[in-house]
Amino acid sequence: MIRGSIYWVNLEDSRPPEFGKTRPAVILSNSEQNAILPTVVVVPLSSHPPEIWPLRLELPAVPGLKNSFAVIPGLRQIRKSRLLDQLGSLPDEFLDALGEAATAYLGE
């Protein structure tokens, strides 16, 4: 599992305000750890705007995916078995911005 890959992810068994259903998500955890661990850390995607830094970042265009936003408060660890089909991947520049937003959201 490569950092920055976008997958359809089964997020069922959730309770509001957690994201549920099957939806796209981007893998945020690093590729080296992803190769070892049975889990990955993902950020769910939503097509509902607007961008609100650091809570919601607009993705660059990804073929086959609606205009989408990474929803930082939805960050979660999931089993790899929840990953379904891969949709694409994101450029390093966006991953840097996503990492900065996650740090701002989780920091003091």
C-alpha atoms as a PDB file:
ATOM      1  CA  MET A   1       0.000   0.000   0.000  1.00  0.00           C
ATOM      2  CA  ILE A   2       1.589   3.206  -1.200  1.00  0.00           C
ATOM      3  CA  ARG A   3       1.181   6.546   0.588  1.00  0.00           C
ATOM      4  CA  GLY A   4      -0.952   8.840  -1.556  1.00  0.00           C
ATOM      5  CA  SER A   5      -2.949   6.043  -3.201  1.00  0.00           C
ATOM      6  CA  ILE A   6      -6.700   6.581  -3.403  1.00  0.00           C
ATOM      7  CA  TYR A   7      -8.921   3.547  -2.768  1.00  0.00           C
ATOM      8  CA  TRP A   8     -12.583   2.826  -2.342  1.00  0.00           C
ATOM      9  CA  VAL A   9     -12.790   1.982   1.374  1.00  0.00           C
ATOM     10  CA  ASN A  10     -15.524   0.196   3.303  1.00  0.00           C
ATOM     11  CA  LEU A  11     -16.115   2.382   6.373  1.00  0.00           C
ATOM     12  CA  GLU A  12     -19.224   0.553   7.603  1.00  0.00           C
ATOM     13  CA  ASP A  13     -19.829  -0.124  11.291  1.00  0.00           C
ATOM     14  CA  SER A  14     -19.464   3.561  12.072  1.00  0.00           C
ATOM     15  CA  ARG A  15     -21.639   5.897  14.090  1.00  0.00           C
ATOM     16  CA  PRO A  16     -22.339   9.575  13.379  1.00  0.00           C
ATOM     17  CA  PRO A  17     -20.429  11.834  13.092  1.00  0.00           C
ATOM     18  CA  GLU A  18     -17.948   9.230  11.766  1.00  0.00           C
ATOM     19  CA  PHE A  19     -17.873   8.670   8.034  1.00  0.00           C
ATOM     20  CA  GLY A  20     -19.679   5.497   7.051  1.00  0.00           C
ATOM     21  CA  LYS A  21     -20.508   3.640   3.847  1.00  0.00           C
ATOM     22  CA  THR A  22     -18.076   2.854   1.057  1.00  0.00           C
ATOM     23  CA  ARG A  23     -16.280   5.987  -0.075  1.00  0.00           C
ATOM     24  CA  PRO A  24     -12.937   7.017  -1.519  1.00  0.00           C
ATOM     25  CA  ALA A  25     -10.057   7.691   0.856  1.00  0.00           C
ATOM     26  CA  VAL A  26      -6.386   8.543   0.508  1.00  0.00           C
ATOM     27  CA  ILE A  27      -3.701   6.540   2.327  1.00  0.00           C
ATOM     28  CA  LEU A  28      -1.761   8.942   4.560  1.00  0.00           C
ATOM     29  CA  SER A  29       0.492   6.507   6.456  1.00  0.00           C
ATOM     30  CA  ASN A  30       3.972   5.947   5.055  1.00  0.00           C
ATOM     31  CA  SER A  31       4.637   3.202   2.524  1.00  0.00           C
ATOM     32  CA  GLU A  32       7.374   1.510   4.571  1.00  0.00           C
ATOM     33  CA  GLN A  33       5.100   0.967   7.578  1.00  0.00           C
ATOM     34  CA  ASN A  34       2.192   0.062   5.314  1.00  0.00           C
ATOM     35  CA  ALA A  35       4.247  -2.875   3.992  1.00  0.00           C
ATOM     36  CA  ILE A  36       4.721  -4.225   7.536  1.00  0.00           C
ATOM     37  CA  LEU A  37       1.511  -3.466   9.429  1.00  0.00           C
ATOM     38  CA  PRO A  38      -1.923  -5.041   8.845  1.00  0.00           C
ATOM     39  CA  THR A  39      -3.476  -1.558   8.920  1.00  0.00           C
ATOM     40  CA  VAL A  40      -3.146   1.783   7.144  1.00  0.00           C
ATOM     41  CA  VAL A  41      -4.159   5.329   8.074  1.00  0.00           C
ATOM     42  CA  VAL A  42      -6.600   6.932   5.654  1.00  0.00           C
ATOM     43  CA  VAL A  43      -8.304  10.272   5.186  1.00  0.00           C
ATOM     44  CA  PRO A  44     -11.817   9.923   3.751  1.00  0.00           C
ATOM     45  CA  LEU A  45     -12.835  12.009   0.764  1.00  0.00           C
ATOM     46  CA  SER A  46     -16.058  13.933   0.222  1.00  0.00           C
ATOM     47  CA  SER A  47     -17.474  15.774  -2.762  1.00  0.00           C
ATOM     48  CA  HIS A  48     -19.067  18.397  -0.492  1.00  0.00           C
ATOM     49  CA  PRO A  49     -17.242  21.732  -0.606  1.00  0.00           C
ATOM     50  CA  PRO A  50     -15.860  24.116   0.499  1.00  0.00           C
ATOM     51  CA  GLU A  51     -12.173  23.897   1.304  1.00  0.00           C
ATOM     52  CA  ILE A  52     -11.660  24.845   4.972  1.00  0.00           C
ATOM     53  CA  TRP A  53      -8.002  24.720   5.993  1.00  0.00           C
ATOM     54  CA  PRO A  54      -6.899  22.650   7.922  1.00  0.00           C
ATOM     55  CA  LEU A  55     -10.126  20.627   8.087  1.00  0.00           C
ATOM     56  CA  ARG A  56     -10.850  20.079   4.394  1.00  0.00           C
ATOM     57  CA  LEU A  57      -8.439  20.242   1.432  1.00  0.00           C
ATOM     58  CA  GLU A  58      -9.435  20.222  -2.224  1.00  0.00           C
ATOM     59  CA  LEU A  59      -7.740  17.441  -4.187  1.00  0.00           C
ATOM     60  CA  PRO A  60      -6.137  18.015  -7.547  1.00  0.00           C
ATOM     61  CA  ALA A  61      -8.062  16.435 -10.428  1.00  0.00           C
ATOM     62  CA  VAL A  62      -7.995  12.623 -10.399  1.00  0.00           C
ATOM     63  CA  PRO A  63      -9.333  10.818 -13.495  1.00  0.00           C
ATOM     64  CA  GLY A  64     -12.566   8.966 -12.675  1.00  0.00           C
ATOM     65  CA  LEU A  65     -13.117  10.809  -9.375  1.00  0.00           C
ATOM     66  CA  LYS A  66     -15.532  13.691  -8.749  1.00  0.00           C
ATOM     67  CA  ASN A  67     -14.111  16.974  -7.532  1.00  0.00           C
ATOM     68  CA  SER A  68     -13.242  15.911  -3.976  1.00  0.00           C
ATOM     69  CA  PHE A  69     -12.000  17.148  -0.631  1.00  0.00           C
ATOM     70  CA  ALA A  70      -9.854  15.336   1.944  1.00  0.00           C
ATOM     71  CA  VAL A  71     -11.703  15.543   5.272  1.00  0.00           C
ATOM     72  CA  ILE A  72      -8.977  15.682   7.937  1.00  0.00           C
ATOM     73  CA  PRO A  73     -11.233  15.106  11.001  1.00  0.00           C
ATOM     74  CA  GLY A  74     -12.201  11.747   9.434  1.00  0.00           C
ATOM     75  CA  LEU A  75      -8.604  10.489   9.692  1.00  0.00           C
ATOM     76  CA  ARG A  76      -8.606   6.883  10.893  1.00  0.00           C
ATOM     77  CA  GLN A  77      -6.731   3.618  11.020  1.00  0.00           C
ATOM     78  CA  ILE A  78      -8.333   0.741   9.113  1.00  0.00           C
ATOM     79  CA  ARG A  79      -7.559  -2.891   8.330  1.00  0.00           C
ATOM     80  CA  LYS A  80      -6.207  -3.420   4.829  1.00  0.00           C
ATOM     81  CA  SER A  81      -9.128  -5.774   4.175  1.00  0.00           C
ATOM     82  CA  ARG A  82     -11.373  -2.655   4.096  1.00  0.00           C
ATOM     83  CA  LEU A  83      -9.516  -1.392   0.997  1.00  0.00           C
ATOM     84  CA  LEU A  84     -11.360  -2.201  -2.205  1.00  0.00           C
ATOM     85  CA  ASP A  85     -10.468  -0.922  -5.692  1.00  0.00           C
ATOM     86  CA  GLN A  86      -7.658   1.567  -6.262  1.00  0.00           C
ATOM     87  CA  LEU A  87      -8.769   4.771  -7.993  1.00  0.00           C
ATOM     88  CA  GLY A  88      -5.462   6.536  -8.525  1.00  0.00           C
ATOM     89  CA  SER A  89      -2.797   8.421  -6.619  1.00  0.00           C
ATOM     90  CA  LEU A  90      -1.971  11.960  -5.566  1.00  0.00           C
ATOM     91  CA  PRO A  91       1.170  14.018  -6.217  1.00  0.00           C
ATOM     92  CA  ASP A  92       3.778  14.546  -3.494  1.00  0.00           C
ATOM     93  CA  GLU A  93       2.969  18.276  -3.317  1.00  0.00           C
ATOM     94  CA  PHE A  94      -0.592  17.513  -2.262  1.00  0.00           C
ATOM     95  CA  LEU A  95       0.583  14.881   0.244  1.00  0.00           C
ATOM     96  CA  ASP A  96       2.868  17.495   1.805  1.00  0.00           C
ATOM     97  CA  ALA A  97      -0.100  19.875   2.181  1.00  0.00           C
ATOM     98  CA  LEU A  98      -2.242  17.038   3.579  1.00  0.00           C
ATOM     99  CA  GLY A  99       0.466  16.210   6.131  1.00  0.00           C
ATOM    100  CA  GLU A 100       0.691  19.863   7.168  1.00  0.00           C
ATOM    101  CA  ALA A 101      -3.096  20.076   7.567  1.00  0.00           C
ATOM    102  CA  ALA A 102      -3.173  16.873   9.655  1.00  0.00           C
ATOM    103  CA  THR A 103      -0.377  18.219  11.882  1.00  0.00           C
ATOM    104  CA  ALA A 104      -2.221  21.533  12.329  1.00  0.00           C
ATOM    105  CA  TYR A 105      -5.472  19.713  13.120  1.00  0.00           C
ATOM    106  CA  LEU A 106      -3.887  17.303  15.621  1.00  0.00           C
ATOM    107  CA  GLY A 107      -1.462  19.802  17.220  1.00  0.00           C
ATOM    108  CA  GLU A 108      -1.893  22.383  19.943  1.00  0.00           C
END
